[in-house]
Protein backbone atom coordinates (compact mmCIF):
# COMPACT_ATOMS: atom_id res chain seq x y z
CA MET A 1 0.00 0.00 0.00
CA GLN A 2 1.33 3.43 -0.96
CA GLY A 3 0.54 4.96 2.39
CA ASP A 4 3.14 7.72 2.24
CA THR A 5 2.43 8.87 -1.32
CA ALA A 6 0.12 11.69 -2.36
CA ASP A 7 -1.55 12.19 -5.73
CA THR A 8 0.85 14.26 -7.83
CA ILE A 9 -1.00 14.30 -11.16
CA PRO A 10 -2.61 17.74 -11.52
CA VAL A 11 -6.21 18.50 -12.45
CA PRO A 12 -6.86 21.83 -14.23
CA PHE A 13 -9.80 22.80 -12.01
CA SER A 14 -10.53 22.93 -8.29
CA ARG A 15 -13.20 21.36 -6.11
CA THR A 16 -14.67 24.84 -5.62
CA ARG A 17 -15.13 25.30 -9.38
CA ILE A 18 -16.80 21.91 -9.70
CA GLU A 19 -19.14 22.69 -6.83
CA GLU A 20 -20.10 25.93 -8.58
CA LEU A 21 -20.78 24.00 -11.77
CA GLU A 22 -22.84 21.45 -9.86
CA THR A 23 -25.29 24.12 -8.70
CA ARG A 24 -26.67 24.00 -12.23
CA TYR A 25 -25.51 20.71 -13.69
CA PRO A 26 -25.47 17.49 -11.65
CA THR A 27 -22.60 15.04 -11.89
CA PRO A 28 -21.46 12.96 -13.62
CA PHE A 29 -20.08 14.94 -16.56
CA HIS A 30 -17.03 15.10 -18.79
CA ILE A 31 -14.79 18.17 -18.99
CA TYR A 32 -12.33 18.87 -21.84
CA ASP A 33 -9.50 21.37 -21.51
CA GLU A 34 -9.53 23.51 -24.67
CA GLU A 35 -6.21 25.28 -24.11
CA ALA A 36 -4.41 21.98 -23.53
CA ILE A 37 -5.98 20.44 -26.64
CA ARG A 38 -4.83 23.39 -28.74
CA ALA A 39 -1.31 23.28 -27.30
CA GLY A 40 -1.02 19.57 -28.05
CA ALA A 41 -2.25 20.05 -31.62
CA ARG A 42 0.31 22.78 -32.24
CA ARG A 43 3.09 20.62 -30.85
CA LEU A 44 2.14 17.77 -33.20
CA TYR A 45 2.11 20.03 -36.24
CA LYS A 46 5.41 21.63 -35.30
CA ALA A 47 7.06 18.22 -34.88
CA PHE A 48 6.02 17.18 -38.40
CA SER A 49 6.68 20.56 -40.03
CA TRP A 50 9.49 18.91 -42.03
CA VAL A 51 6.91 17.20 -44.26
CA THR A 52 6.57 19.00 -47.59
CA GLY A 53 3.69 19.18 -50.03
CA PRO A 54 3.68 18.40 -53.76
CA ASP A 55 5.36 21.74 -54.47
CA GLY A 56 8.24 20.89 -52.18
CA LYS A 57 7.22 23.57 -49.69
CA ALA A 58 6.26 23.12 -46.04
CA GLY A 59 2.74 22.12 -45.08
CA GLY A 60 2.59 18.54 -46.31
CA PHE A 61 1.47 17.13 -42.96
CA LYS A 62 -2.14 16.87 -41.78
CA ASN A 63 -3.80 15.05 -38.94
CA PHE A 64 -7.30 13.82 -39.67
CA PHE A 65 -8.75 13.73 -36.15
CA ALA A 66 -10.50 10.42 -35.51
CA VAL A 67 -14.05 11.65 -34.94
CA LYS A 68 -15.00 8.41 -33.21
CA ALA A 69 -12.71 9.39 -30.32
CA LEU A 70 -14.73 12.48 -29.38
CA PRO A 71 -17.65 13.14 -31.77
CA ASN A 72 -18.63 16.64 -30.72
CA PRO A 73 -18.84 19.57 -33.17
CA TYR A 74 -17.39 22.02 -30.66
CA ILE A 75 -14.27 19.88 -30.39
CA LEU A 76 -14.08 19.43 -34.16
CA ARG A 77 -14.31 23.20 -34.63
CA VAL A 78 -11.40 23.76 -32.23
CA LEU A 79 -9.30 21.21 -34.11
CA LYS A 80 -10.25 22.64 -37.50
CA GLU A 81 -8.94 26.00 -36.28
CA GLU A 82 -5.67 24.21 -35.48
CA GLY A 83 -5.40 22.85 -39.02
CA MET A 84 -6.82 19.37 -38.58
CA GLY A 85 -9.17 17.46 -40.81
CA ALA A 86 -11.58 14.71 -39.82
CA ASP A 87 -11.24 10.95 -40.05
CA CYS A 88 -14.80 9.63 -40.38
CA SER A 89 -16.18 6.10 -40.42
CA SER A 90 -19.96 6.59 -40.64
CA LEU A 91 -22.64 8.86 -42.08
CA PRO A 92 -23.22 10.76 -38.80
CA GLU A 93 -19.49 11.42 -38.51
CA LEU A 94 -19.42 12.75 -42.08
CA LEU A 95 -22.31 15.06 -41.22
CA LEU A 96 -20.54 16.28 -38.07
CA ALA A 97 -17.44 17.16 -40.08
CA ASP A 98 -19.47 18.95 -42.72
CA ALA A 99 -21.41 20.87 -40.05
CA VAL A 100 -18.24 22.57 -38.78
CA GLY A 101 -16.90 23.31 -42.24
CA ILE A 102 -14.50 20.39 -42.64
CA GLN A 103 -15.07 19.45 -46.24
CA GLY A 104 -13.48 18.06 -49.37
CA GLU A 105 -10.15 16.32 -48.98
CA ASP A 106 -9.91 17.51 -45.38
CA ILE A 107 -12.17 14.51 -44.69
CA MET A 108 -10.76 10.99 -44.74
CA PHE A 109 -13.54 8.40 -44.96
CA THR A 110 -12.23 5.11 -43.57
CA SER A 111 -14.91 2.53 -42.90
CA ASN A 112 -15.60 -1.17 -43.14
CA ASP A 113 -18.70 -3.16 -44.12
CA THR A 114 -19.82 0.16 -45.61
CA PRO A 115 -23.38 0.75 -46.89
CA ALA A 116 -23.79 2.34 -50.31
CA GLU A 117 -25.37 5.55 -48.99
CA GLU A 118 -22.26 6.32 -46.94
CA PHE A 119 -20.00 6.04 -49.96
CA VAL A 120 -22.42 8.31 -51.83
CA GLN A 121 -22.28 10.95 -49.08
CA ALA A 122 -18.50 10.74 -48.79
CA LYS A 123 -18.08 11.28 -52.53
CA LYS A 124 -20.63 14.11 -52.47
CA LEU A 125 -18.58 15.88 -49.81
CA GLY A 126 -15.38 15.33 -51.80
CA ALA A 127 -13.86 13.23 -49.02
CA VAL A 128 -10.84 11.01 -49.54
CA ILE A 129 -12.36 7.53 -49.72
CA ASN A 130 -10.15 4.91 -48.09
CA LEU A 131 -11.26 1.44 -49.20
CA ASP A 132 -11.08 -1.47 -46.78
CA ASP A 133 -11.42 -4.39 -49.22
CA ILE A 134 -10.65 -5.17 -52.84
CA THR A 135 -14.33 -5.98 -53.51
CA HIS A 136 -15.25 -2.46 -52.44
CA ILE A 137 -13.83 -1.05 -55.69
CA ASP A 138 -16.73 -2.45 -57.72
CA PHE A 139 -19.17 -1.65 -54.91
CA LEU A 140 -18.05 1.99 -54.81
CA GLU A 141 -18.18 2.24 -58.61
CA LYS A 142 -21.78 1.08 -58.69
CA ALA A 143 -22.85 3.18 -55.69
CA ALA A 144 -21.14 6.49 -56.38
CA GLY A 145 -18.57 6.16 -59.14
CA ILE A 146 -14.80 5.99 -58.83
CA PRO A 147 -13.31 9.32 -57.67
CA ASP A 148 -10.02 10.71 -58.96
CA LEU A 149 -8.36 10.05 -55.60
CA VAL A 150 -8.53 6.60 -54.04
CA CYS A 151 -6.80 5.23 -50.95
CA PHE A 152 -6.45 1.65 -49.77
CA ARG A 153 -6.07 0.28 -46.26
CA TYR A 154 -3.29 -2.27 -45.86
CA ASN A 155 -3.24 -5.24 -43.48
CA PRO A 156 0.23 -6.84 -43.28
CA GLY A 157 -1.09 -9.93 -41.50
CA ASP A 158 1.09 -12.01 -39.24
CA GLU A 159 4.30 -10.48 -40.61
CA TYR A 160 3.65 -7.55 -38.28
CA SER A 161 3.78 -8.52 -34.61
CA HIS A 162 3.04 -5.34 -32.63
CA GLY A 163 -0.68 -5.85 -32.05
CA ASN A 164 -2.32 -5.32 -28.66
CA PRO A 165 -5.66 -6.07 -26.95
CA ILE A 166 -7.25 -2.90 -28.35
CA ILE A 167 -6.58 -3.47 -32.04
CA GLY A 168 -5.64 -7.13 -32.03
CA ASN A 169 -3.03 -8.86 -34.19
CA PRO A 170 -3.23 -7.79 -37.85
CA GLY A 171 -3.51 -11.40 -39.01
CA GLU A 172 -6.75 -11.74 -37.04
CA ALA A 173 -8.19 -8.32 -37.89
CA LYS A 174 -11.15 -7.75 -40.19
CA TYR A 175 -9.62 -4.60 -41.64
CA GLY A 176 -7.64 -3.96 -44.80
CA LEU A 177 -6.24 -5.62 -47.90
CA THR A 178 -3.55 -8.28 -47.93
CA HIS A 179 -0.23 -7.67 -49.65
CA ASP A 180 -1.23 -9.40 -52.89
CA GLN A 181 -4.67 -7.81 -52.89
CA ILE A 182 -3.42 -4.27 -52.48
CA LEU A 183 -1.11 -4.48 -55.48
CA LYS A 184 -4.03 -5.70 -57.61
CA ALA A 185 -6.33 -3.07 -56.13
CA TYR A 186 -4.24 -0.14 -57.34
CA GLU A 187 -4.19 -1.60 -60.85
CA ILE A 188 -7.96 -2.12 -60.87
CA ALA A 189 -8.67 1.36 -59.52
CA ARG A 190 -6.42 2.93 -62.16
CA GLN A 191 -8.15 0.98 -64.91
CA LYS A 192 -11.48 2.29 -63.63
CA GLY A 193 -10.34 5.92 -63.82
CA ALA A 194 -8.61 6.76 -60.55
CA LYS A 195 -5.67 9.10 -61.10
CA ARG A 196 -4.38 9.87 -57.61
CA PHE A 197 -3.60 7.40 -54.86
CA GLY A 198 -2.96 7.10 -51.15
CA LEU A 199 -1.95 4.31 -48.76
CA HIS A 200 -3.10 3.73 -45.20
CA ALA A 201 -2.67 1.27 -42.35
CA MET A 202 -3.81 1.29 -38.74
CA ILE A 203 -1.76 -1.50 -37.24
CA VAL A 204 -0.93 -0.19 -33.77
CA SER A 205 -3.14 1.34 -31.12
CA ASN A 206 -2.22 3.21 -27.94
CA GLN A 207 1.44 2.52 -28.74
CA ARG A 208 3.84 4.51 -26.58
CA GLU A 209 7.19 3.34 -27.96
CA GLU A 210 8.55 5.73 -30.57
CA GLU A 211 10.58 3.01 -32.29
CA ILE A 212 7.54 0.79 -32.82
CA LEU A 213 5.53 3.73 -34.15
CA ALA A 214 8.36 4.47 -36.58
CA ASP A 215 8.46 0.80 -37.63
CA ALA A 216 4.86 1.15 -38.82
CA ALA A 217 6.00 4.04 -41.01
CA ARG A 218 8.88 1.93 -42.32
CA LEU A 219 6.43 -0.81 -43.32
CA LEU A 220 4.28 1.63 -45.30
CA PHE A 221 7.18 3.49 -46.89
CA SER A 222 8.65 0.19 -48.09
CA LEU A 223 5.29 -0.83 -49.52
CA ALA A 224 5.07 2.51 -51.35
CA VAL A 225 8.35 1.74 -53.06
CA GLU A 226 7.15 -1.73 -54.05
CA ILE A 227 3.87 -0.35 -55.39
CA HIS A 228 5.78 2.09 -57.58
CA LYS A 229 8.19 -0.55 -58.88
CA LYS A 230 5.44 -3.05 -59.70
CA THR A 231 2.67 -0.76 -60.94
CA GLY A 232 4.33 2.55 -61.78
CA ILE A 233 1.97 4.34 -59.37
CA ARG A 234 3.43 7.13 -57.26
CA LEU A 235 1.51 7.63 -54.06
CA GLU A 236 0.37 11.15 -53.22
CA PHE A 237 0.16 10.54 -49.47
CA ILE A 238 0.77 7.90 -46.85
CA ASN A 239 -1.53 7.73 -43.81
CA LEU A 240 0.35 6.39 -40.79
CA GLY A 241 -2.85 5.69 -38.86
CA GLY A 242 -3.63 6.90 -35.37
CA GLY A 243 -1.75 4.63 -33.02
CA ILE A 244 0.01 7.19 -30.84
CA GLY A 245 -0.66 6.21 -27.24
CA ILE A 246 -0.96 8.22 -24.05
CA PRO A 247 0.25 7.49 -20.50
CA TYR A 248 -2.87 6.36 -18.67
CA ALA A 249 -0.94 5.21 -15.62
CA PRO A 250 1.50 7.50 -13.78
CA ALA A 251 4.46 5.24 -14.54
CA ASP A 252 3.66 4.89 -18.26
CA HIS A 253 6.15 6.21 -20.79
CA GLN A 254 4.88 9.31 -22.59
CA VAL A 255 5.50 9.47 -26.31
CA ASN A 256 8.01 12.15 -27.23
CA ILE A 257 6.32 13.54 -30.32
CA GLU A 258 9.48 15.30 -31.47
CA ASP A 259 11.48 12.09 -31.19
CA TYR A 260 8.81 10.12 -33.04
CA ALA A 261 8.67 12.71 -35.85
CA ARG A 262 12.48 12.66 -36.09
CA LYS A 263 12.51 8.86 -36.41
CA VAL A 264 9.82 8.98 -39.12
CA HIS A 265 11.87 11.64 -40.92
CA GLU A 266 14.93 9.40 -40.85
CA VAL A 267 12.97 6.47 -42.28
CA TYR A 268 11.40 8.76 -44.89
CA ASN A 269 14.84 9.89 -46.08
CA GLU A 270 16.15 6.33 -46.04
CA ILE A 271 13.31 4.83 -48.08
CA ILE A 272 11.22 7.48 -49.86
CA VAL A 273 13.92 10.00 -50.71
CA GLU A 274 16.54 7.39 -51.60
CA ASN A 275 14.14 5.74 -54.04
CA GLY A 276 13.27 9.01 -55.75
CA LEU A 277 9.64 9.12 -54.59
CA ALA A 278 9.74 12.37 -52.61
CA PRO A 279 7.73 14.38 -51.94
CA ILE A 280 4.98 12.19 -50.53
CA ARG A 281 2.71 13.85 -48.00
CA ILE A 282 2.52 12.28 -44.54
CA VAL A 283 -0.82 12.27 -42.77
CA MET A 284 -2.27 10.46 -39.79
CA GLU A 285 -5.58 9.94 -38.01
CA SER A 286 -4.62 10.49 -34.40
CA GLY A 287 -7.55 10.89 -32.03
CA ARG A 288 -6.53 9.51 -28.64
CA ALA A 289 -3.30 11.54 -28.43
CA VAL A 290 -5.06 14.74 -29.52
CA THR A 291 -7.86 14.88 -26.94
CA GLY A 292 -7.45 11.87 -24.64
CA PRO A 293 -5.14 13.36 -21.98
CA TYR A 294 -7.24 16.51 -21.74
CA GLY A 295 -10.57 14.99 -20.73
CA TYR A 296 -11.87 14.28 -17.22
CA LEU A 297 -14.92 12.41 -15.93
CA VAL A 298 -16.20 14.08 -12.77
CA SER A 299 -18.35 12.03 -10.41
CA ARG A 300 -19.76 12.16 -6.86
CA VAL A 301 -19.45 9.35 -4.35
CA ARG A 302 -22.84 7.90 -3.43
CA HIS A 303 -21.87 5.09 -1.09
CA VAL A 304 -18.77 3.73 0.62
CA THR A 305 -19.34 0.12 1.61
CA LYS A 306 -17.40 -2.73 3.23
CA LYS A 307 -17.92 -6.30 2.03
CA HIS A 308 -15.16 -8.71 1.06
CA ARG A 309 -13.47 -5.55 -0.17
CA ASP A 310 -14.00 -1.85 0.38
CA TYR A 311 -16.09 -0.29 -2.37
CA VAL A 312 -16.59 3.29 -3.51
CA GLY A 313 -19.86 3.61 -5.44
CA LEU A 314 -20.11 6.56 -7.86
CA ASP A 315 -22.95 8.29 -9.67
CA ALA A 316 -21.01 7.48 -12.87
CA CYS A 317 -20.81 3.98 -14.31
CA MET A 318 -19.31 2.19 -17.28
CA ALA A 319 -21.99 3.82 -19.44
CA ASN A 320 -19.93 6.99 -18.94
CA LEU A 321 -16.53 5.32 -19.42
CA MET A 322 -16.33 1.81 -20.78
CA ARG A 323 -12.58 1.34 -21.18
CA PRO A 324 -11.78 -0.11 -17.73
CA ALA A 325 -14.51 -2.74 -18.07
CA LEU A 326 -13.85 -3.46 -21.76
CA TYR A 327 -10.05 -3.62 -21.75
CA GLY A 328 -9.11 -3.73 -18.09
CA ALA A 329 -7.63 -0.31 -18.79
CA TYR A 330 -6.11 1.85 -16.08
CA HIS A 331 -7.45 5.38 -15.58
CA HIS A 332 -5.92 7.52 -12.88
CA ILE A 333 -8.26 8.84 -10.17
CA THR A 334 -7.92 12.04 -8.16
CA VAL A 335 -10.06 12.85 -5.12
CA LEU A 336 -10.61 16.60 -5.29
CA GLY A 337 -9.51 18.37 -2.12
CA LYS A 338 -7.58 15.32 -0.94
CA GLU A 339 -4.66 15.47 -3.36
CA ASN A 340 -2.11 15.86 -0.57
CA LEU A 341 -3.41 13.11 1.67
CA PRO A 342 -1.66 9.73 1.83
CA LEU A 343 -2.96 6.92 -0.36
CA ASP A 344 -3.53 4.71 2.65
CA HIS A 345 -6.81 3.00 1.74
CA VAL A 346 -7.53 0.44 -0.99
CA TYR A 347 -10.84 0.45 -2.85
CA ASP A 348 -12.67 -0.94 -5.82
CA VAL A 349 -14.26 2.11 -7.48
CA THR A 350 -17.56 1.09 -9.04
CA GLY A 351 -20.70 2.24 -10.79
CA SER A 352 -24.28 1.13 -10.28
CA LEU A 353 -24.86 -1.14 -13.29
CA CYS A 354 -26.05 -4.69 -12.73
CA GLU A 355 -22.68 -5.92 -14.02
CA ASN A 356 -19.81 -6.91 -11.76
CA ASN A 357 -17.24 -5.55 -14.21
CA ASP A 358 -18.73 -2.06 -13.80
CA LYS A 359 -15.54 -0.88 -12.14
CA PHE A 360 -13.29 2.09 -12.79
CA ALA A 361 -10.54 0.73 -10.55
CA VAL A 362 -9.75 -2.49 -8.70
CA LYS A 363 -7.72 -2.54 -5.49
CA ARG A 364 -6.68 1.07 -6.06
CA PRO A 365 -4.69 2.91 -3.35
CA LEU A 366 -6.53 6.17 -2.60
CA PRO A 367 -6.97 8.55 0.31
CA LYS A 368 -9.80 7.78 2.69
CA ILE A 369 -13.02 8.39 0.78
CA GLU A 370 -16.35 9.49 2.21
CA ASN A 371 -19.84 9.94 0.81
CA ASN A 372 -20.17 13.01 -1.45
CA ASP A 373 -16.46 13.21 -2.21
CA ILE A 374 -15.74 14.29 -5.78
CA LEU A 375 -13.64 11.91 -7.86
CA VAL A 376 -12.00 12.90 -11.13
CA ILE A 377 -11.13 10.12 -13.57
CA HIS A 378 -8.33 11.17 -15.91
CA ASN A 379 -7.68 10.70 -19.63
CA THR A 380 -11.30 10.44 -20.73
CA GLY A 381 -11.01 12.83 -23.67
CA ALA A 382 -11.03 10.00 -26.20
CA HIS A 383 -13.18 6.86 -26.31
CA GLY A 384 -14.94 7.99 -23.13
CA HIS A 385 -18.33 9.62 -23.63
CA ALA A 386 -18.23 8.42 -27.24
CA MET A 387 -18.50 4.76 -26.18
CA GLY A 388 -21.46 5.38 -23.88
CA PHE A 389 -24.64 3.33 -23.90
CA ASN A 390 -28.02 3.04 -22.17
CA TYR A 391 -27.93 -0.41 -20.58
CA ASN A 392 -29.94 -0.52 -17.33
CA GLY A 393 -31.66 2.65 -18.48
CA LYS A 394 -28.60 4.75 -17.67
CA LEU A 395 -28.59 8.21 -19.21
CA ARG A 396 -25.52 9.60 -20.91
CA SER A 397 -23.85 12.53 -19.22
CA ALA A 398 -23.18 16.13 -20.20
CA GLU A 399 -19.95 17.37 -21.75
CA PHE A 400 -18.22 20.68 -21.01
CA LEU A 401 -15.44 22.57 -22.71
CA MET A 402 -13.21 24.38 -20.23
CA GLN A 403 -12.19 27.53 -22.08
CA ALA A 404 -9.52 30.16 -21.50
CA GLY A 405 -10.02 31.92 -18.20
CA GLY A 406 -11.64 28.89 -16.62
CA THR A 407 -15.14 29.27 -18.05
CA PHE A 408 -17.17 26.12 -18.66
CA LYS A 409 -19.20 25.88 -21.87
CA LEU A 410 -21.86 23.20 -22.11
CA ILE A 411 -21.23 21.41 -25.42
CA ARG A 412 -23.63 18.52 -24.88
CA ARG A 413 -26.47 18.43 -22.38
CA ALA A 414 -27.14 15.36 -20.32
CA GLU A 415 -29.72 12.94 -21.61
CA THR A 416 -33.16 13.01 -20.06
CA ILE A 417 -35.78 10.33 -19.51
CA ASN A 418 -37.56 11.80 -22.52
CA ASP A 419 -34.49 11.12 -24.65
CA TYR A 420 -34.39 7.53 -23.44
CA PHE A 421 -38.03 6.92 -24.36
CA ALA A 422 -38.06 9.06 -27.52
CA THR A 423 -37.76 6.12 -29.91
CA LEU A 424 -40.59 4.14 -28.29
CA ASP A 425 -44.16 4.17 -29.48
CA TYR A 426 -45.91 1.86 -27.05
CA GLU A 427 -49.69 1.94 -27.38
CA GLY A 428 -49.87 5.68 -26.95
CA SER A 429 -47.94 5.75 -23.66
CA ASP A 430 -46.59 9.16 -22.70
CA PHE A 431 -43.37 9.17 -20.66
CA SER A 432 -42.84 12.93 -20.87
CA GLY A 433 -43.76 13.52 -17.23
CA PHE A 434 -40.44 12.05 -16.19
CA ALA A 435 -38.34 14.64 -18.06
CA ARG A 436 -35.86 16.81 -16.24
CA LYS A 437 -36.22 20.55 -16.25
CA LYS A 438 -34.91 22.40 -19.27
CA THR A 439 -31.12 22.81 -19.31
CA PRO A 440 -30.10 26.28 -18.09
CA SER A 441 -27.63 28.70 -19.64
CA ALA A 442 -24.72 27.04 -21.40
CA ILE A 443 -21.98 29.26 -19.91
CA LEU A 444 -20.74 29.31 -16.36
CA PRO A 445 -18.40 32.28 -16.01
CA GLN A 446 -15.27 32.33 -13.90
């Protein structure tokens, strides 16, 4: 037990500010730190500023933010202002991108098992269509026609060994074209009228080792050379995927973005430049690293109980954050106002679902916790609220953007009972009497 250790991971807001926010909005809710998101985006772009465009000038790098990580238009607008595009995988995500003015080739449409109407919408918006299977070439042609620019997603199979529980081993994954298929696919697409080409692979997830991330780039750069030698096709861009990880646990290694970019640059010079294929634009679809570290789930303690273990029961549950239950993932927890107290108690931190894996932490050293304490769960800015659900009739929580000066802007209201029942039409039953009061003003000033 870490009885002599205090919580040293900072939270960008105080208990007092949360209590002020709670006077109008009950917990649980997610908070995203806008200034930190912007700073991280600028750091990423600066690190890859060496990438040139077709004219040989700077500006050849773009991150297509993975909308699935945090599908909120206010967040997308912030990232658009920082130069990012949108990586979309469904019709609603395409519509979100379009709503904030991300259009044309600033949208990367990467999906699988795709319905025809989604290909139609992606082509209508001028998005870069990234095909997941060789049979999708004919399917896309019939649904929407072959665009000038086509990208293919590569799956190296068992030759690549850096899979993990989140993404799995490539040889067992449903995504992408095999080596032989992808060479044929470029030929088929060219015969059908495509004139510009890209290459993509997403073969690591939450990877925090710079060398492994750079190895993924090496794999794709080498394939680009082979594609050119065997088909004559020069790729316009290579999408490195979105596998940059974040340090969920205090002891986790944090990716040095500058070091990663330097390693990719070295591999680019070694393979792309040496084979006369430069310039090729470098893009990626990072979501987790862009917003993940800058999100927080705030929750009140309802009950502290003693059974075979000591339990802390929150007003949040895995409907608000699924990762610990789904992956056994670690998320750091801070008890507001008790940051300097020793971590001399051990708890399972749980929600109220009728599922025993509804736990945010298991045997976690924390300060002594009492009813109504406020717990902050870190690193929920990606794959947090977005993975929510309504099992047990749980309602999804609100989302706030913490802006400069410490103001909180409501960017998604909490669900109500009316929302939960809105899709039901049961013999004329009216559930509207259970609705909460109308959400108040969306801004809480400093």
